[in-house]
Amino acid sequence: MDITGLFIFLAIGAVAGWLAGTLMKGGGFGLFGNIVVGIIGALVGGFVFGLLGIRAGGLIGAIITATAGAALFLYAVRIVKKA
């Protein structure tokens, strides 16, 4: 991965983390927190979408997949945190 790919990867993570925090009414987590949540969300979203047979391509597809995965991740964290 070159430096441009790394920046795009981090930017998608930051946007997805911020969007998921906004959707889940959790507020922002700061830049580093948003990137971490977005990256974990990309992994979760890719796994779940793969199980469902959905392939989202391109930049918008990557953001949607990462945001959906990050929202699922934040939901799971809330459930575990309450227990």
N, C-alpha and C. Protein backbone atom coordinates (compact mmCIF):
# COMPACT_ATOMS: atom_id res chain seq x y z
N MET A 1 0.86 -1.17 0.00
CA MET A 1 0.00 0.00 0.00
C MET A 1 0.90 1.23 0.00
N ASP A 2 0.63 2.13 -0.92
CA ASP A 2 1.41 3.35 -0.97
C ASP A 2 0.83 4.39 -0.01
N ILE A 3 1.46 5.54 0.07
CA ILE A 3 1.05 6.57 1.03
C ILE A 3 -0.32 7.14 0.69
N THR A 4 -0.65 7.23 -0.60
CA THR A 4 -1.96 7.73 -1.00
C THR A 4 -3.06 6.77 -0.56
N GLY A 5 -2.84 5.48 -0.75
CA GLY A 5 -3.81 4.48 -0.32
C GLY A 5 -4.01 4.51 1.18
N LEU A 6 -2.93 4.72 1.93
CA LEU A 6 -3.03 4.81 3.38
C LEU A 6 -3.87 6.00 3.80
N PHE A 7 -3.66 7.15 3.17
CA PHE A 7 -4.45 8.34 3.50
C PHE A 7 -5.93 8.14 3.16
N ILE A 8 -6.21 7.50 2.04
CA ILE A 8 -7.60 7.23 1.66
C ILE A 8 -8.23 6.27 2.66
N PHE A 9 -7.50 5.24 3.06
CA PHE A 9 -7.98 4.28 4.05
C PHE A 9 -8.30 4.97 5.37
N LEU A 10 -7.41 5.84 5.84
CA LEU A 10 -7.65 6.56 7.09
C LEU A 10 -8.80 7.56 6.97
N ALA A 11 -8.92 8.21 5.81
CA ALA A 11 -10.01 9.16 5.61
C ALA A 11 -11.36 8.44 5.60
N ILE A 12 -11.44 7.29 4.94
CA ILE A 12 -12.69 6.52 4.95
C ILE A 12 -13.01 6.08 6.38
N GLY A 13 -12.01 5.66 7.14
CA GLY A 13 -12.23 5.28 8.52
C GLY A 13 -12.74 6.43 9.37
N ALA A 14 -12.15 7.61 9.18
CA ALA A 14 -12.58 8.78 9.94
C ALA A 14 -14.01 9.18 9.60
N VAL A 15 -14.35 9.19 8.33
CA VAL A 15 -15.71 9.55 7.90
C VAL A 15 -16.72 8.52 8.39
N ALA A 16 -16.39 7.25 8.25
CA ALA A 16 -17.31 6.19 8.69
C ALA A 16 -17.49 6.21 10.20
N GLY A 17 -16.43 6.42 10.96
CA GLY A 17 -16.54 6.50 12.41
C GLY A 17 -17.38 7.68 12.85
N TRP A 18 -17.18 8.83 12.20
CA TRP A 18 -17.97 10.01 12.53
C TRP A 18 -19.45 9.80 12.19
N LEU A 19 -19.72 9.26 11.01
CA LEU A 19 -21.11 9.00 10.61
C LEU A 19 -21.78 8.01 11.55
N ALA A 20 -21.08 6.94 11.92
CA ALA A 20 -21.66 5.94 12.82
C ALA A 20 -21.92 6.54 14.19
N GLY A 21 -20.99 7.36 14.68
CA GLY A 21 -21.21 8.03 15.97
C GLY A 21 -22.41 8.96 15.93
N THR A 22 -22.59 9.64 14.82
CA THR A 22 -23.74 10.53 14.66
C THR A 22 -25.04 9.72 14.55
N LEU A 23 -25.03 8.64 13.79
CA LEU A 23 -26.22 7.81 13.63
C LEU A 23 -26.63 7.13 14.93
N MET A 24 -25.65 6.71 15.69
CA MET A 24 -25.92 5.96 16.92
C MET A 24 -26.07 6.90 18.13
N LYS A 25 -26.13 8.19 17.91
CA LYS A 25 -26.30 9.20 18.95
C LYS A 25 -25.22 9.10 20.03
N GLY A 26 -24.02 8.70 19.60
CA GLY A 26 -22.92 8.57 20.54
C GLY A 26 -22.00 9.78 20.53
N GLY A 27 -22.23 10.68 19.60
CA GLY A 27 -21.35 11.82 19.48
C GLY A 27 -20.04 11.44 18.83
N GLY A 28 -19.15 12.38 18.73
CA GLY A 28 -17.86 12.11 18.12
C GLY A 28 -16.91 11.45 19.12
N PHE A 29 -15.91 10.80 18.59
CA PHE A 29 -14.92 10.13 19.42
C PHE A 29 -13.56 10.77 19.24
N GLY A 30 -13.50 11.89 18.59
CA GLY A 30 -12.22 12.50 18.24
C GLY A 30 -11.69 11.88 16.97
N LEU A 31 -10.69 12.50 16.39
CA LEU A 31 -10.19 12.03 15.11
C LEU A 31 -9.64 10.61 15.21
N PHE A 32 -8.79 10.34 16.19
CA PHE A 32 -8.21 9.01 16.32
C PHE A 32 -9.28 7.97 16.63
N GLY A 33 -10.21 8.30 17.52
CA GLY A 33 -11.30 7.37 17.86
C GLY A 33 -12.18 7.07 16.67
N ASN A 34 -12.50 8.09 15.88
CA ASN A 34 -13.31 7.89 14.68
C ASN A 34 -12.61 6.98 13.68
N ILE A 35 -11.30 7.16 13.53
CA ILE A 35 -10.55 6.32 12.60
C ILE A 35 -10.57 4.87 13.07
N VAL A 36 -10.36 4.65 14.37
CA VAL A 36 -10.35 3.29 14.91
C VAL A 36 -11.73 2.64 14.75
N VAL A 37 -12.78 3.38 15.12
CA VAL A 37 -14.14 2.84 14.98
C VAL A 37 -14.45 2.57 13.51
N GLY A 38 -14.03 3.45 12.61
CA GLY A 38 -14.27 3.26 11.19
C GLY A 38 -13.54 2.07 10.61
N ILE A 39 -12.30 1.84 11.06
CA ILE A 39 -11.53 0.70 10.57
C ILE A 39 -12.15 -0.61 11.06
N ILE A 40 -12.50 -0.64 12.34
CA ILE A 40 -13.18 -1.83 12.87
C ILE A 40 -14.51 -2.02 12.16
N GLY A 41 -15.21 -0.92 11.90
CA GLY A 41 -16.47 -0.98 11.18
C GLY A 41 -16.31 -1.50 9.77
N ALA A 42 -15.21 -1.14 9.10
CA ALA A 42 -14.96 -1.65 7.75
C ALA A 42 -14.79 -3.17 7.78
N LEU A 43 -14.09 -3.67 8.79
CA LEU A 43 -13.92 -5.12 8.91
C LEU A 43 -15.25 -5.81 9.19
N VAL A 44 -16.01 -5.26 10.14
CA VAL A 44 -17.31 -5.85 10.49
C VAL A 44 -18.27 -5.76 9.31
N GLY A 45 -18.34 -4.59 8.68
CA GLY A 45 -19.23 -4.39 7.54
C GLY A 45 -18.89 -5.28 6.37
N GLY A 46 -17.59 -5.42 6.08
CA GLY A 46 -17.17 -6.30 5.00
C GLY A 46 -17.54 -7.74 5.27
N PHE A 47 -17.40 -8.17 6.53
CA PHE A 47 -17.75 -9.53 6.90
C PHE A 47 -19.26 -9.76 6.77
N VAL A 48 -20.06 -8.84 7.33
CA VAL A 48 -21.52 -9.00 7.31
C VAL A 48 -22.05 -8.89 5.88
N PHE A 49 -21.58 -7.91 5.13
CA PHE A 49 -22.03 -7.77 3.75
C PHE A 49 -21.63 -8.98 2.92
N GLY A 50 -20.46 -9.55 3.21
CA GLY A 50 -20.01 -10.76 2.51
C GLY A 50 -20.92 -11.94 2.79
N LEU A 51 -21.36 -12.07 4.05
CA LEU A 51 -22.28 -13.14 4.40
C LEU A 51 -23.62 -12.98 3.69
N LEU A 52 -24.04 -11.73 3.50
CA LEU A 52 -25.31 -11.46 2.83
C LEU A 52 -25.19 -11.48 1.31
N GLY A 53 -23.97 -11.58 0.80
CA GLY A 53 -23.76 -11.61 -0.65
C GLY A 53 -23.82 -10.25 -1.30
N ILE A 54 -23.61 -9.20 -0.52
CA ILE A 54 -23.65 -7.83 -1.05
C ILE A 54 -22.23 -7.36 -1.31
N ARG A 55 -21.99 -6.83 -2.52
CA ARG A 55 -20.69 -6.27 -2.86
C ARG A 55 -20.88 -4.80 -3.20
N ALA A 56 -20.32 -3.94 -2.36
CA ALA A 56 -20.38 -2.50 -2.60
C ALA A 56 -19.01 -2.05 -3.08
N GLY A 57 -18.96 -1.48 -4.27
CA GLY A 57 -17.68 -1.07 -4.84
C GLY A 57 -17.52 0.44 -4.84
N GLY A 58 -16.31 0.87 -5.01
CA GLY A 58 -16.00 2.29 -5.11
C GLY A 58 -15.90 2.97 -3.76
N LEU A 59 -15.65 4.25 -3.81
CA LEU A 59 -15.46 5.05 -2.60
C LEU A 59 -16.73 5.13 -1.77
N ILE A 60 -17.85 5.40 -2.41
CA ILE A 60 -19.13 5.50 -1.69
C ILE A 60 -19.51 4.15 -1.09
N GLY A 61 -19.30 3.09 -1.81
CA GLY A 61 -19.58 1.75 -1.30
C GLY A 61 -18.73 1.43 -0.08
N ALA A 62 -17.46 1.84 -0.12
CA ALA A 62 -16.57 1.60 1.02
C ALA A 62 -17.04 2.39 2.24
N ILE A 63 -17.47 3.62 2.04
CA ILE A 63 -17.96 4.44 3.15
C ILE A 63 -19.24 3.85 3.72
N ILE A 64 -20.15 3.41 2.86
CA ILE A 64 -21.40 2.81 3.32
C ILE A 64 -21.13 1.52 4.09
N THR A 65 -20.27 0.68 3.55
CA THR A 65 -19.93 -0.58 4.22
C THR A 65 -19.29 -0.32 5.58
N ALA A 66 -18.33 0.58 5.64
CA ALA A 66 -17.64 0.88 6.89
C ALA A 66 -18.58 1.54 7.89
N THR A 67 -19.47 2.40 7.43
CA THR A 67 -20.41 3.06 8.34
C THR A 67 -21.40 2.06 8.92
N ALA A 68 -21.93 1.18 8.08
CA ALA A 68 -22.86 0.16 8.57
C ALA A 68 -22.17 -0.76 9.57
N GLY A 69 -20.95 -1.16 9.27
CA GLY A 69 -20.20 -2.01 10.19
C GLY A 69 -19.87 -1.30 11.49
N ALA A 70 -19.52 -0.02 11.41
CA ALA A 70 -19.20 0.74 12.61
C ALA A 70 -20.45 0.92 13.48
N ALA A 71 -21.61 1.13 12.84
CA ALA A 71 -22.85 1.25 13.61
C ALA A 71 -23.16 -0.07 14.32
N LEU A 72 -22.97 -1.19 13.63
CA LEU A 72 -23.16 -2.50 14.27
C LEU A 72 -22.17 -2.69 15.42
N PHE A 73 -20.93 -2.29 15.20
CA PHE A 73 -19.91 -2.40 16.24
C PHE A 73 -20.28 -1.56 17.47
N LEU A 74 -20.70 -0.32 17.26
CA LEU A 74 -21.07 0.54 18.38
C LEU A 74 -22.30 0.00 19.11
N TYR A 75 -23.24 -0.57 18.37
CA TYR A 75 -24.41 -1.19 18.98
C TYR A 75 -24.01 -2.37 19.87
N ALA A 76 -23.10 -3.18 19.37
CA ALA A 76 -22.62 -4.34 20.15
C ALA A 76 -21.86 -3.87 21.39
N VAL A 77 -21.09 -2.82 21.26
CA VAL A 77 -20.35 -2.29 22.43
C VAL A 77 -21.34 -1.79 23.48
N ARG A 78 -22.40 -1.12 23.05
CA ARG A 78 -23.42 -0.65 24.01
C ARG A 78 -24.09 -1.81 24.74
N ILE A 79 -24.40 -2.86 24.01
CA ILE A 79 -25.05 -4.03 24.64
C ILE A 79 -24.12 -4.66 25.68
N VAL A 80 -22.85 -4.82 25.31
CA VAL A 80 -21.89 -5.42 26.24
C VAL A 80 -21.66 -4.51 27.44
N LYS A 81 -21.62 -3.21 27.20
CA LYS A 81 -21.38 -2.24 28.26
C LYS A 81 -22.51 -2.21 29.28
N LYS A 82 -23.75 -2.41 28.82
CA LYS A 82 -24.90 -2.44 29.72
C LYS A 82 -24.94 -3.72 30.55
N ALA A 83 -24.41 -4.80 30.02
CA ALA A 83 -24.49 -6.10 30.71
C ALA A 83 -23.54 -6.20 31.88
